[in-house]
Every structure is written in C-alpha cells, then in structure tokens.
Amino acid sequence: MRCMWSLKEGAPMAKKYYWLKLKNDFFNNTEIKVLRRVAGGDTYTLIYLEMLLLSLENNGFLYFEGVGEDLADELSVILGEKKEDVQFLLTFLEAKKLIEVNQESDTIYLNTIEGMIGKESGSARRMRDLRAKEEQPKLPEASHCDNDVQKSDKKVTLELRDKSLEKEKEKRYIAEQKLDDLSEAVSAIVAYLNEKANKNYKTSTKVTRTKIKSRLGEGFTIDDFKKVIDIKTVEWLNDPKMQNFLRPETLFGNKFESYLNQPMPTKGGYGNAQNNGRNARGDEDKYKAGFFGGGAPNA
C-alpha cells in the first residue's frame, strides 16, 4: 500500500513523498483479527490504516492541534470518520498496546510504525527519473561525412552542453539532499525533545535549526542529541525553576559537549540543578546579548 505525501515546514523546502510499507502478514496479526471480528471491525481497521498514513510525516506521532474538542474529535474531523468510531478504536488500540497515549502533551504514538515508513525526496525522484531516461537505449546516430566539419562541431557543442546540464543537476541534487537530511534530523530531535519534556517546540524556528545544524557540523550525531535530552530532562524536568531551560537554544548551545559528557543523574536534585542552572542561565544571557546586540549567538 503506498500513499504519496508532501511535507512542508519552515522555509521553502523540497517536496517529500511518503508511503506506508504494509507488511504482507498485517491482517494475520492477532490484534487485527480480533479487531475485525468486532461489529464494524472493517471500519475500525480502515481508520487504523488512515491513522498510520496520517502519522508518516511525524515518524509515528499524532498531535492534538486544538481544532476539535479532544484528540478523538479532531481525528474524526481530519479523517472524515464518526467520533464514536475513532474513540472506540483508540480505546482498543491502547488496550492492545498498539498505541501510546500521552495525556499531558496530547500526543499519540503508533508504535507499530517502525520499519513501515517509506520516503523519498522530490530531488531524489527527479534524479532517478533522469537516470532511467539516460539508461534507455538510444537510436542509432546518422553517419557523417568526414569532411562535414560543421555538423561535427555542432554535435560536440551539444554533447558538452548536455554534460554541463547534467553536472548542474547533480549539484542541485546534492544540495537538496543535504537540506533534506538536515530537516529529517531537526524533525527527529525536536520530536524527541517534545516527547521527553512535554513541550511543543517547532522544527521551523530559525535558532533551533541553527543550533542543531552547528552541532551536526561539529560531528555530533542524533543519538548524542537524544542523550543530552535524556540527561537534562532527568535533572531539570521536575524542578520548576529549571524546566524553562529545557529548550533547544540552551540544550544545543555551546555547553552541548559538556552536557553530553555529564553522567546520567539518578534524579533531578536541586543541588546539581542549581549549579547547572547557573551554567544554563549563562548560556541564555550570552544568547540574548548576541541576539539583541545584532550579533549571532555563539554556536
């Protein structure tokens, strides 16, 4: 089953296509068999598939945007289904541990999505089509007389122009791929921070993208970002004074490496939290001074 989906966030970006890689034994799963035996089970199964498709661009997460009365009501509007059907399905899926519902952040995670997301950037698709076209057998070229210098020169000129165009397309493709890779990294990191810290940061915020891009450019990985988030949420999340520092510009700033090498706290204690709070506030002051002074914040 394949669903084409375009993702747009922040600044103008290359179109991206998503599809659901449905396994051939999907309908043989015990949970799906039980669901289909319920009255109206085929409708519930269809809604579940619609939810999987809807979550593709967010790596399996569904977010409550406040359009409906609650998440079930909002999903019923988006999917064009009855609210009572959606509510029953959510209750069933949660009971069967097919979804994880976070009431504090109003999110749903469809935990069966791993390995089912297929995606391709628009630039990759165009390059694939171009290469497929180039691999098609060419018609035999007409023979030229040895003394037909004018036609020969014209042919060489056209070949050089075609090669130049191909190089330009390759350069654009590489540039678009780098932008796609950065956007995927930002989406994964910000989604992880929002989930762990019960926040709602946007992936399109300029300072967030700049901080993440700087750290990635220094050789840090997405797993490094997740480790920093894990460490600081354990340390700061339950401290009312420190919760405000669980933000991208603090976590991913110039203290990132020291946070990364910090041992995992056993719990968020005020002693360590206050010491680290002073460091975090120092980062915040430097950031604000750079921002309001017109200079770029230290990365």
C-alpha atoms as a PDB file:
ATOM      1  CA  MET A   1       0.000   0.000   0.000  1.00  0.00           C
ATOM      2  CA  ARG A   2       1.504   3.351  -0.997  1.00  0.00           C
ATOM      3  CA  CYS A   3       0.422   6.863  -0.015  1.00  0.00           C
ATOM      4  CA  MET A   4       2.109   9.910  -1.572  1.00  0.00           C
ATOM      5  CA  TRP A   5       2.535  12.709   0.981  1.00  0.00           C
ATOM      6  CA  SER A   6       4.313  16.080   0.712  1.00  0.00           C
ATOM      7  CA  LEU A   7       5.991  17.606   3.779  1.00  0.00           C
ATOM      8  CA  LYS A   8       6.469  21.349   4.122  1.00  0.00           C
ATOM      9  CA  GLU A   9       7.894  23.067   7.174  1.00  0.00           C
ATOM     10  CA  GLY A  10       9.555  26.420   7.827  1.00  0.00           C
ATOM     11  CA  ALA A  11      11.423  27.846   4.865  1.00  0.00           C
ATOM     12  CA  PRO A  12      10.607  26.594   1.348  1.00  0.00           C
ATOM     13  CA  MET A  13      11.897  23.048   1.095  1.00  0.00           C
ATOM     14  CA  ALA A  14      11.989  20.265  -1.423  1.00  0.00           C
ATOM     15  CA  LYS A  15       8.836  18.195  -1.723  1.00  0.00           C
ATOM     16  CA  LYS A  16       8.985  14.837   0.012  1.00  0.00           C
ATOM     17  CA  TYR A  17       6.921  11.740  -0.753  1.00  0.00           C
ATOM     18  CA  TYR A  18       5.865   9.231   1.908  1.00  0.00           C
ATOM     19  CA  TRP A  19       4.302   5.801   1.636  1.00  0.00           C
ATOM     20  CA  LEU A  20       3.235   3.117   4.083  1.00  0.00           C
ATOM     21  CA  LYS A  21       5.138  -0.150   3.690  1.00  0.00           C
ATOM     22  CA  LEU A  22       2.387  -2.522   4.788  1.00  0.00           C
ATOM     23  CA  LYS A  23       3.716  -5.990   5.598  1.00  0.00           C
ATOM     24  CA  ASN A  24       2.045  -8.904   3.830  1.00  0.00           C
ATOM     25  CA  ASP A  25       1.135 -10.503   7.180  1.00  0.00           C
ATOM     26  CA  PHE A  26      -0.523  -7.332   8.549  1.00  0.00           C
ATOM     27  CA  PHE A  27      -4.020  -8.839   8.507  1.00  0.00           C
ATOM     28  CA  ASN A  28      -2.724 -12.042  10.136  1.00  0.00           C
ATOM     29  CA  ASN A  29      -1.763 -10.205  13.333  1.00  0.00           C
ATOM     30  CA  THR A  30      -3.828 -11.418  16.274  1.00  0.00           C
ATOM     31  CA  GLU A  31      -4.828  -7.890  17.287  1.00  0.00           C
ATOM     32  CA  ILE A  32      -6.081  -7.074  13.781  1.00  0.00           C
ATOM     33  CA  LYS A  33      -8.024 -10.348  13.603  1.00  0.00           C
ATOM     34  CA  VAL A  34      -9.687  -9.541  16.942  1.00  0.00           C
ATOM     35  CA  LEU A  35     -10.488  -6.006  15.771  1.00  0.00           C
ATOM     36  CA  ARG A  36     -12.085  -7.233  12.532  1.00  0.00           C
ATOM     37  CA  ARG A  37     -14.320  -9.666  14.467  1.00  0.00           C
ATOM     38  CA  VAL A  38     -15.896  -6.770  16.370  1.00  0.00           C
ATOM     39  CA  ALA A  39     -19.113  -5.344  14.908  1.00  0.00           C
ATOM     40  CA  GLY A  40     -17.939  -2.719  12.434  1.00  0.00           C
ATOM     41  CA  GLY A  41     -14.419  -4.141  12.631  1.00  0.00           C
ATOM     42  CA  ASP A  42     -13.586  -3.480   8.991  1.00  0.00           C
ATOM     43  CA  THR A  43     -14.373   0.212   9.526  1.00  0.00           C
ATOM     44  CA  TYR A  44     -12.129   0.318  12.604  1.00  0.00           C
ATOM     45  CA  THR A  45      -9.326  -1.393  10.677  1.00  0.00           C
ATOM     46  CA  LEU A  46      -9.631   1.162   7.881  1.00  0.00           C
ATOM     47  CA  ILE A  47      -9.466   4.032  10.394  1.00  0.00           C
ATOM     48  CA  TYR A  48      -6.341   2.464  11.927  1.00  0.00           C
ATOM     49  CA  LEU A  49      -4.689   2.386   8.497  1.00  0.00           C
ATOM     50  CA  GLU A  50      -5.705   6.026   7.959  1.00  0.00           C
ATOM     51  CA  MET A  51      -4.070   6.933  11.285  1.00  0.00           C
ATOM     52  CA  LEU A  52      -0.857   5.159  10.240  1.00  0.00           C
ATOM     53  CA  LEU A  53      -0.816   7.126   6.986  1.00  0.00           C
ATOM     54  CA  LEU A  54      -1.506  10.394   8.800  1.00  0.00           C
ATOM     55  CA  SER A  55       1.434   9.820  11.171  1.00  0.00           C
ATOM     56  CA  LEU A  56       4.027   9.105   8.459  1.00  0.00           C
ATOM     57  CA  GLU A  57       5.481  12.607   8.209  1.00  0.00           C
ATOM     58  CA  ASN A  58       5.854  12.806  12.023  1.00  0.00           C
ATOM     59  CA  ASN A  59       7.568   9.412  12.462  1.00  0.00           C
ATOM     60  CA  GLY A  60       4.502   7.779  14.014  1.00  0.00           C
ATOM     61  CA  PHE A  61       3.259  10.681  16.167  1.00  0.00           C
ATOM     62  CA  LEU A  62      -0.185  12.310  16.020  1.00  0.00           C
ATOM     63  CA  TYR A  63      -0.542  15.707  17.713  1.00  0.00           C
ATOM     64  CA  PHE A  64      -3.650  17.419  19.086  1.00  0.00           C
ATOM     65  CA  GLU A  65      -3.791  20.867  17.427  1.00  0.00           C
ATOM     66  CA  GLY A  66      -6.840  22.159  19.316  1.00  0.00           C
ATOM     67  CA  VAL A  67      -9.169  22.088  16.309  1.00  0.00           C
ATOM     68  CA  GLY A  68     -11.588  19.632  17.922  1.00  0.00           C
ATOM     69  CA  GLU A  69     -12.843  19.160  21.472  1.00  0.00           C
ATOM     70  CA  ASP A  70     -10.252  16.451  22.082  1.00  0.00           C
ATOM     71  CA  LEU A  71      -7.903  14.239  20.076  1.00  0.00           C
ATOM     72  CA  ALA A  72     -10.633  11.745  19.134  1.00  0.00           C
ATOM     73  CA  ASP A  73     -12.904  14.548  17.921  1.00  0.00           C
ATOM     74  CA  GLU A  74     -10.055  16.165  15.966  1.00  0.00           C
ATOM     75  CA  LEU A  75      -9.074  12.880  14.296  1.00  0.00           C
ATOM     76  CA  SER A  76     -12.696  12.225  13.340  1.00  0.00           C
ATOM     77  CA  VAL A  77     -12.781  15.608  11.558  1.00  0.00           C
ATOM     78  CA  ILE A  78      -9.437  15.097   9.797  1.00  0.00           C
ATOM     79  CA  LEU A  79     -10.214  11.521   8.713  1.00  0.00           C
ATOM     80  CA  GLY A  80     -13.892  12.136   7.964  1.00  0.00           C
ATOM     81  CA  GLU A  81     -14.996   9.380  10.355  1.00  0.00           C
ATOM     82  CA  LYS A  82     -17.530   9.231  13.208  1.00  0.00           C
ATOM     83  CA  LYS A  83     -16.169  10.388  16.567  1.00  0.00           C
ATOM     84  CA  GLU A  84     -17.580   7.367  18.414  1.00  0.00           C
ATOM     85  CA  ASP A  85     -15.802   5.025  15.974  1.00  0.00           C
ATOM     86  CA  VAL A  86     -12.494   6.846  16.468  1.00  0.00           C
ATOM     87  CA  GLN A  87     -12.937   6.857  20.264  1.00  0.00           C
ATOM     88  CA  PHE A  88     -13.662   3.112  20.335  1.00  0.00           C
ATOM     89  CA  LEU A  89     -10.641   2.410  18.152  1.00  0.00           C
ATOM     90  CA  LEU A  90      -8.307   4.494  20.348  1.00  0.00           C
ATOM     91  CA  THR A  91      -9.505   2.618  23.434  1.00  0.00           C
ATOM     92  CA  PHE A  92      -8.967  -0.729  21.684  1.00  0.00           C
ATOM     93  CA  LEU A  93      -5.506   0.163  20.339  1.00  0.00           C
ATOM     94  CA  GLU A  94      -4.340   1.445  23.718  1.00  0.00           C
ATOM     95  CA  ALA A  95      -5.600  -1.699  25.462  1.00  0.00           C
ATOM     96  CA  LYS A  96      -3.725  -3.857  22.923  1.00  0.00           C
ATOM     97  CA  LYS A  97      -0.590  -1.663  23.309  1.00  0.00           C
ATOM     98  CA  LEU A  98      -0.638  -0.700  19.637  1.00  0.00           C
ATOM     99  CA  ILE A  99      -0.526   2.998  20.569  1.00  0.00           C
ATOM    100  CA  GLU A 100       0.916   5.057  23.418  1.00  0.00           C
ATOM    101  CA  VAL A 101      -1.240   7.974  24.585  1.00  0.00           C
ATOM    102  CA  ASN A 102       0.419  10.877  26.414  1.00  0.00           C
ATOM    103  CA  GLN A 103      -2.339  12.867  28.116  1.00  0.00           C
ATOM    104  CA  GLU A 104      -0.002  15.666  29.246  1.00  0.00           C
ATOM    105  CA  SER A 105       1.311  16.511  25.783  1.00  0.00           C
ATOM    106  CA  ASP A 106      -1.865  15.414  23.915  1.00  0.00           C
ATOM    107  CA  THR A 107       0.042  13.083  21.607  1.00  0.00           C
ATOM    108  CA  ILE A 108      -0.427   9.572  20.284  1.00  0.00           C
ATOM    109  CA  TYR A 109       2.464   7.373  19.165  1.00  0.00           C
ATOM    110  CA  LEU A 110       1.641   4.454  16.861  1.00  0.00           C
ATOM    111  CA  ASN A 111       4.390   2.081  17.962  1.00  0.00           C
ATOM    112  CA  THR A 112       3.947  -0.373  15.086  1.00  0.00           C
ATOM    113  CA  ILE A 113       5.073   2.257  12.564  1.00  0.00           C
ATOM    114  CA  GLU A 114       8.781   1.423  12.867  1.00  0.00           C
ATOM    115  CA  GLY A 115      10.022  -0.101   9.645  1.00  0.00           C
ATOM    116  CA  MET A 116       6.808   0.822   7.809  1.00  0.00           C
ATOM    117  CA  ILE A 117       7.759   4.346   6.676  1.00  0.00           C
ATOM    118  CA  GLY A 118       8.935   4.745   3.114  1.00  0.00           C
ATOM    119  CA  LYS A 119      10.029   8.164   1.903  1.00  0.00           C
ATOM    120  CA  GLU A 120      11.783   9.832  -0.978  1.00  0.00           C
ATOM    121  CA  SER A 121      12.641  13.466  -1.648  1.00  0.00           C
ATOM    122  CA  GLY A 122      11.447  15.189  -4.782  1.00  0.00           C
ATOM    123  CA  SER A 123      15.051  15.708  -5.878  1.00  0.00           C
ATOM    124  CA  ALA A 124      15.815  12.003  -5.494  1.00  0.00           C
ATOM    125  CA  ARG A 125      12.770  11.135  -7.585  1.00  0.00           C
ATOM    126  CA  ARG A 126      13.774  13.572 -10.325  1.00  0.00           C
ATOM    127  CA  MET A 127      17.325  12.206 -10.372  1.00  0.00           C
ATOM    128  CA  ARG A 128      16.013   8.623 -10.532  1.00  0.00           C
ATOM    129  CA  ASP A 129      13.764   9.551 -13.466  1.00  0.00           C
ATOM    130  CA  LEU A 130      16.681  11.296 -15.181  1.00  0.00           C
ATOM    131  CA  ARG A 131      18.966   8.294 -14.805  1.00  0.00           C
ATOM    132  CA  ALA A 132      16.235   5.950 -16.026  1.00  0.00           C
ATOM    133  CA  LYS A 133      15.838   8.143 -19.089  1.00  0.00           C
ATOM    134  CA  GLU A 134      19.597   8.112 -19.696  1.00  0.00           C
ATOM    135  CA  GLU A 135      19.657   4.309 -19.487  1.00  0.00           C
ATOM    136  CA  GLN A 136      17.068   3.939 -22.246  1.00  0.00           C
ATOM    137  CA  PRO A 137      18.588   2.626 -25.496  1.00  0.00           C
ATOM    138  CA  LYS A 138      19.397   5.431 -27.891  1.00  0.00           C
ATOM    139  CA  LEU A 139      18.507   5.415 -31.585  1.00  0.00           C
ATOM    140  CA  PRO A 140      21.452   4.880 -33.941  1.00  0.00           C
ATOM    141  CA  GLU A 141      23.000   8.161 -34.974  1.00  0.00           C
ATOM    142  CA  ALA A 142      23.136   9.057 -38.631  1.00  0.00           C
ATOM    143  CA  SER A 143      26.608   8.750 -40.173  1.00  0.00           C
ATOM    144  CA  HIS A 144      28.519  11.906 -41.046  1.00  0.00           C
ATOM    145  CA  CYS A 145      30.848  12.524 -43.849  1.00  0.00           C
ATOM    146  CA  ASP A 146      34.456  13.001 -42.832  1.00  0.00           C
ATOM    147  CA  ASN A 147      34.503  16.422 -44.392  1.00  0.00           C
ATOM    148  CA  ASP A 148      31.282  17.600 -42.721  1.00  0.00           C
ATOM    149  CA  VAL A 149      33.123  19.712 -40.141  1.00  0.00           C
ATOM    150  CA  GLN A 150      30.178  21.970 -39.369  1.00  0.00           C
ATOM    151  CA  LYS A 151      27.876  19.114 -38.278  1.00  0.00           C
ATOM    152  CA  SER A 152      30.656  17.516 -36.262  1.00  0.00           C
ATOM    153  CA  ASP A 153      31.342  20.739 -34.372  1.00  0.00           C
ATOM    154  CA  LYS A 154      27.631  21.169 -33.650  1.00  0.00           C
ATOM    155  CA  LYS A 155      27.439  17.641 -32.241  1.00  0.00           C
ATOM    156  CA  VAL A 156      30.427  18.255 -29.930  1.00  0.00           C
ATOM    157  CA  THR A 157      28.864  21.518 -28.713  1.00  0.00           C
ATOM    158  CA  LEU A 158      25.570  19.793 -27.893  1.00  0.00           C
ATOM    159  CA  GLU A 159      27.361  16.988 -26.044  1.00  0.00           C
ATOM    160  CA  LEU A 160      29.333  19.487 -23.940  1.00  0.00           C
ATOM    161  CA  ARG A 161      26.147  21.396 -23.148  1.00  0.00           C
ATOM    162  CA  ASP A 162      24.354  18.204 -22.103  1.00  0.00           C
ATOM    163  CA  LYS A 163      27.249  17.212 -19.812  1.00  0.00           C
ATOM    164  CA  SER A 164      27.235  20.681 -18.250  1.00  0.00           C
ATOM    165  CA  LEU A 165      23.492  20.446 -17.598  1.00  0.00           C
ATOM    166  CA  GLU A 166      23.927  17.010 -16.015  1.00  0.00           C
ATOM    167  CA  LYS A 167      26.625  18.374 -13.672  1.00  0.00           C
ATOM    168  CA  GLU A 168      24.363  21.254 -12.637  1.00  0.00           C
ATOM    169  CA  LYS A 169      21.531  18.823 -11.917  1.00  0.00           C
ATOM    170  CA  GLU A 170      23.910  16.689  -9.834  1.00  0.00           C
ATOM    171  CA  LYS A 171      24.964  19.766  -7.823  1.00  0.00           C
ATOM    172  CA  ARG A 172      21.345  20.774  -7.191  1.00  0.00           C
ATOM    173  CA  TYR A 173      20.522  17.211  -6.205  1.00  0.00           C
ATOM    174  CA  ILE A 174      23.389  17.085  -3.669  1.00  0.00           C
ATOM    175  CA  ALA A 175      22.370  20.467  -2.194  1.00  0.00           C
ATOM    176  CA  GLU A 176      18.726  19.389  -1.880  1.00  0.00           C
ATOM    177  CA  GLN A 177      19.762  16.096  -0.291  1.00  0.00           C
ATOM    178  CA  LYS A 178      21.769  17.964   2.370  1.00  0.00           C
ATOM    179  CA  LEU A 179      18.727  20.137   3.108  1.00  0.00           C
ATOM    180  CA  ASP A 180      16.523  17.043   3.316  1.00  0.00           C
ATOM    181  CA  ASP A 181      18.983  15.331   5.688  1.00  0.00           C
ATOM    182  CA  LEU A 182      19.096  18.404   7.965  1.00  0.00           C
ATOM    183  CA  SER A 183      15.289  18.671   8.006  1.00  0.00           C
ATOM    184  CA  GLU A 184      14.958  14.992   8.920  1.00  0.00           C
ATOM    185  CA  ALA A 185      17.498  15.394  11.735  1.00  0.00           C
ATOM    186  CA  VAL A 186      15.767  18.515  13.090  1.00  0.00           C
ATOM    187  CA  SER A 187      12.367  16.767  12.973  1.00  0.00           C
ATOM    188  CA  ALA A 188      13.672  13.701  14.836  1.00  0.00           C
ATOM    189  CA  ILE A 189      15.499  15.734  17.505  1.00  0.00           C
ATOM    190  CA  VAL A 190      12.701  18.242  18.166  1.00  0.00           C
ATOM    191  CA  ALA A 191      10.065  15.474  18.271  1.00  0.00           C
ATOM    192  CA  TYR A 192      12.188  13.601  20.833  1.00  0.00           C
ATOM    193  CA  LEU A 193      12.595  16.748  22.976  1.00  0.00           C
ATOM    194  CA  ASN A 194       8.857  17.499  22.827  1.00  0.00           C
ATOM    195  CA  GLU A 195       8.013  13.945  23.857  1.00  0.00           C
ATOM    196  CA  LYS A 196      10.523  13.750  26.729  1.00  0.00           C
ATOM    197  CA  ALA A 197       9.974  17.260  28.108  1.00  0.00           C
ATOM    198  CA  ASN A 198       6.252  17.648  27.332  1.00  0.00           C
ATOM    199  CA  LYS A 199       6.989  20.656  25.123  1.00  0.00           C
ATOM    200  CA  ASN A 200       5.723  21.841  21.748  1.00  0.00           C
ATOM    201  CA  TYR A 201       8.746  23.347  20.000  1.00  0.00           C
ATOM    202  CA  LYS A 202       8.549  23.883  16.247  1.00  0.00           C
ATOM    203  CA  THR A 203      11.027  22.486  13.749  1.00  0.00           C
ATOM    204  CA  SER A 204      10.834  25.674  11.685  1.00  0.00           C
ATOM    205  CA  THR A 205      12.285  28.016  14.342  1.00  0.00           C
ATOM    206  CA  LYS A 206      15.468  29.597  12.980  1.00  0.00           C
ATOM    207  CA  VAL A 207      17.535  29.444  16.186  1.00  0.00           C
ATOM    208  CA  THR A 208      16.598  25.775  16.707  1.00  0.00           C
ATOM    209  CA  ARG A 209      17.669  24.799  13.194  1.00  0.00           C
ATOM    210  CA  THR A 210      20.866  26.872  13.507  1.00  0.00           C
ATOM    211  CA  LYS A 211      21.900  25.265  16.809  1.00  0.00           C
ATOM    212  CA  ILE A 212      21.223  21.736  15.557  1.00  0.00           C
ATOM    213  CA  LYS A 213      22.999  22.389  12.252  1.00  0.00           C
ATOM    214  CA  SER A 214      26.061  23.736  14.116  1.00  0.00           C
ATOM    215  CA  ARG A 215      26.319  20.704  16.386  1.00  0.00           C
ATOM    216  CA  LEU A 216      25.838  18.287  13.483  1.00  0.00           C
ATOM    217  CA  GLY A 217      28.556  20.172  11.617  1.00  0.00           C
ATOM    218  CA  GLU A 218      30.891  19.517  14.557  1.00  0.00           C
ATOM    219  CA  GLY A 219      30.372  15.782  14.141  1.00  0.00           C
ATOM    220  CA  PHE A 220      27.743  15.110  16.806  1.00  0.00           C
ATOM    221  CA  THR A 221      25.001  12.592  15.980  1.00  0.00           C
ATOM    222  CA  ILE A 222      21.251  12.397  16.538  1.00  0.00           C
ATOM    223  CA  ASP A 223      21.917   9.856  19.299  1.00  0.00           C
ATOM    224  CA  ASP A 224      24.138  12.453  21.008  1.00  0.00           C
ATOM    225  CA  PHE A 225      21.238  14.916  20.977  1.00  0.00           C
ATOM    226  CA  LYS A 226      18.916  12.292  22.462  1.00  0.00           C
ATOM    227  CA  LYS A 227      21.449  11.525  25.215  1.00  0.00           C
ATOM    228  CA  VAL A 228      21.697  15.207  26.169  1.00  0.00           C
ATOM    229  CA  ILE A 229      17.894  15.442  26.224  1.00  0.00           C
ATOM    230  CA  ASP A 230      17.670  12.326  28.427  1.00  0.00           C
ATOM    231  CA  ILE A 231      20.263  13.647  30.892  1.00  0.00           C
ATOM    232  CA  LYS A 232      18.826  17.140  31.249  1.00  0.00           C
ATOM    233  CA  THR A 233      15.171  16.055  31.432  1.00  0.00           C
ATOM    234  CA  VAL A 234      16.005  13.711  34.323  1.00  0.00           C
ATOM    235  CA  GLU A 235      17.874  16.560  36.004  1.00  0.00           C
ATOM    236  CA  TRP A 236      15.565  19.519  35.276  1.00  0.00           C
ATOM    237  CA  LEU A 237      12.068  18.355  34.361  1.00  0.00           C
ATOM    238  CA  ASN A 238      10.733  18.121  37.934  1.00  0.00           C
ATOM    239  CA  ASP A 239      12.414  21.337  39.081  1.00  0.00           C
ATOM    240  CA  PRO A 240      10.028  24.278  38.488  1.00  0.00           C
ATOM    241  CA  LYS A 241      12.940  26.723  38.215  1.00  0.00           C
ATOM    242  CA  MET A 242      14.877  24.605  35.742  1.00  0.00           C
ATOM    243  CA  GLN A 243      12.059  23.438  33.464  1.00  0.00           C
ATOM    244  CA  ASN A 244      12.345  26.624  31.405  1.00  0.00           C
ATOM    245  CA  PHE A 245      15.897  25.671  30.407  1.00  0.00           C
ATOM    246  CA  LEU A 246      14.660  22.536  28.610  1.00  0.00           C
ATOM    247  CA  ARG A 247      14.729  24.416  25.314  1.00  0.00           C
ATOM    248  CA  PRO A 248      16.757  23.992  22.109  1.00  0.00           C
ATOM    249  CA  GLU A 249      18.830  27.185  22.467  1.00  0.00           C
ATOM    250  CA  THR A 250      20.032  26.045  25.915  1.00  0.00           C
ATOM    251  CA  LEU A 251      20.407  22.296  25.371  1.00  0.00           C
ATOM    252  CA  PHE A 252      22.018  22.548  21.937  1.00  0.00           C
ATOM    253  CA  GLY A 253      24.191  25.632  22.582  1.00  0.00           C
ATOM    254  CA  ASN A 254      27.899  25.900  23.396  1.00  0.00           C
ATOM    255  CA  LYS A 255      27.535  23.740  26.542  1.00  0.00           C
ATOM    256  CA  PHE A 256      26.308  20.804  24.447  1.00  0.00           C
ATOM    257  CA  GLU A 257      29.518  18.764  24.723  1.00  0.00           C
ATOM    258  CA  SER A 258      29.763  19.226  28.490  1.00  0.00           C
ATOM    259  CA  TYR A 259      26.115  18.155  28.849  1.00  0.00           C
ATOM    260  CA  LEU A 260      26.845  15.121  26.674  1.00  0.00           C
ATOM    261  CA  ASN A 261      29.733  14.010  28.901  1.00  0.00           C
ATOM    262  CA  GLN A 262      27.773  14.543  32.106  1.00  0.00           C
ATOM    263  CA  PRO A 263      26.853  11.294  33.930  1.00  0.00           C
ATOM    264  CA  MET A 264      23.186  10.396  33.985  1.00  0.00           C
ATOM    265  CA  PRO A 265      21.636  11.812  37.215  1.00  0.00           C
ATOM    266  CA  THR A 266      19.756   9.397  39.447  1.00  0.00           C
ATOM    267  CA  LYS A 267      17.080  12.034  39.923  1.00  0.00           C
ATOM    268  CA  GLY A 268      16.584  15.763  39.461  1.00  0.00           C
ATOM    269  CA  GLY A 269      18.105  17.177  42.650  1.00  0.00           C
ATOM    270  CA  TYR A 270      18.168  20.860  43.468  1.00  0.00           C
ATOM    271  CA  GLY A 271      21.913  20.791  44.191  1.00  0.00           C
ATOM    272  CA  ASN A 272      23.002  19.712  40.730  1.00  0.00           C
ATOM    273  CA  ALA A 273      20.087  21.535  39.161  1.00  0.00           C
ATOM    274  CA  GLN A 274      21.081  24.858  40.709  1.00  0.00           C
ATOM    275  CA  ASN A 275      24.707  24.504  39.640  1.00  0.00           C
ATOM    276  CA  ASN A 276      23.727  23.560  36.110  1.00  0.00           C
ATOM    277  CA  GLY A 277      21.058  26.235  36.193  1.00  0.00           C
ATOM    278  CA  ARG A 278      23.705  28.892  36.598  1.00  0.00           C
ATOM    279  CA  ASN A 279      25.511  27.444  33.567  1.00  0.00           C
ATOM    280  CA  ALA A 280      22.267  27.359  31.618  1.00  0.00           C
ATOM    281  CA  ARG A 281      21.422  30.928  32.591  1.00  0.00           C
ATOM    282  CA  GLY A 282      24.909  31.928  31.462  1.00  0.00           C
ATOM    283  CA  ASP A 283      24.135  30.392  28.072  1.00  0.00           C
ATOM    284  CA  GLU A 284      20.812  32.243  27.986  1.00  0.00           C
ATOM    285  CA  ASP A 285      22.482  35.595  28.811  1.00  0.00           C
ATOM    286  CA  LYS A 286      25.076  35.095  26.071  1.00  0.00           C
ATOM    287  CA  TYR A 287      22.349  34.180  23.609  1.00  0.00           C
ATOM    288  CA  LYS A 288      20.207  37.203  24.482  1.00  0.00           C
ATOM    289  CA  ALA A 289      23.203  39.550  24.360  1.00  0.00           C
ATOM    290  CA  GLY A 290      24.097  38.265  20.906  1.00  0.00           C
ATOM    291  CA  PHE A 291      20.512  38.419  19.695  1.00  0.00           C
ATOM    292  CA  PHE A 292      19.582  41.897  20.917  1.00  0.00           C
ATOM    293  CA  GLY A 293      23.018  43.252  20.097  1.00  0.00           C
ATOM    294  CA  GLY A 294      22.576  42.245  16.486  1.00  0.00           C
ATOM    295  CA  GLY A 295      25.300  39.616  16.537  1.00  0.00           C
ATOM    296  CA  ALA A 296      24.865  35.880  16.001  1.00  0.00           C
ATOM    297  CA  PRO A 297      24.649  33.729  19.207  1.00  0.00           C
ATOM    298  CA  ASN A 298      27.599  31.520  19.959  1.00  0.00           C
ATOM    299  CA  ALA A 299      27.051  28.051  18.476  1.00  0.00           C
END
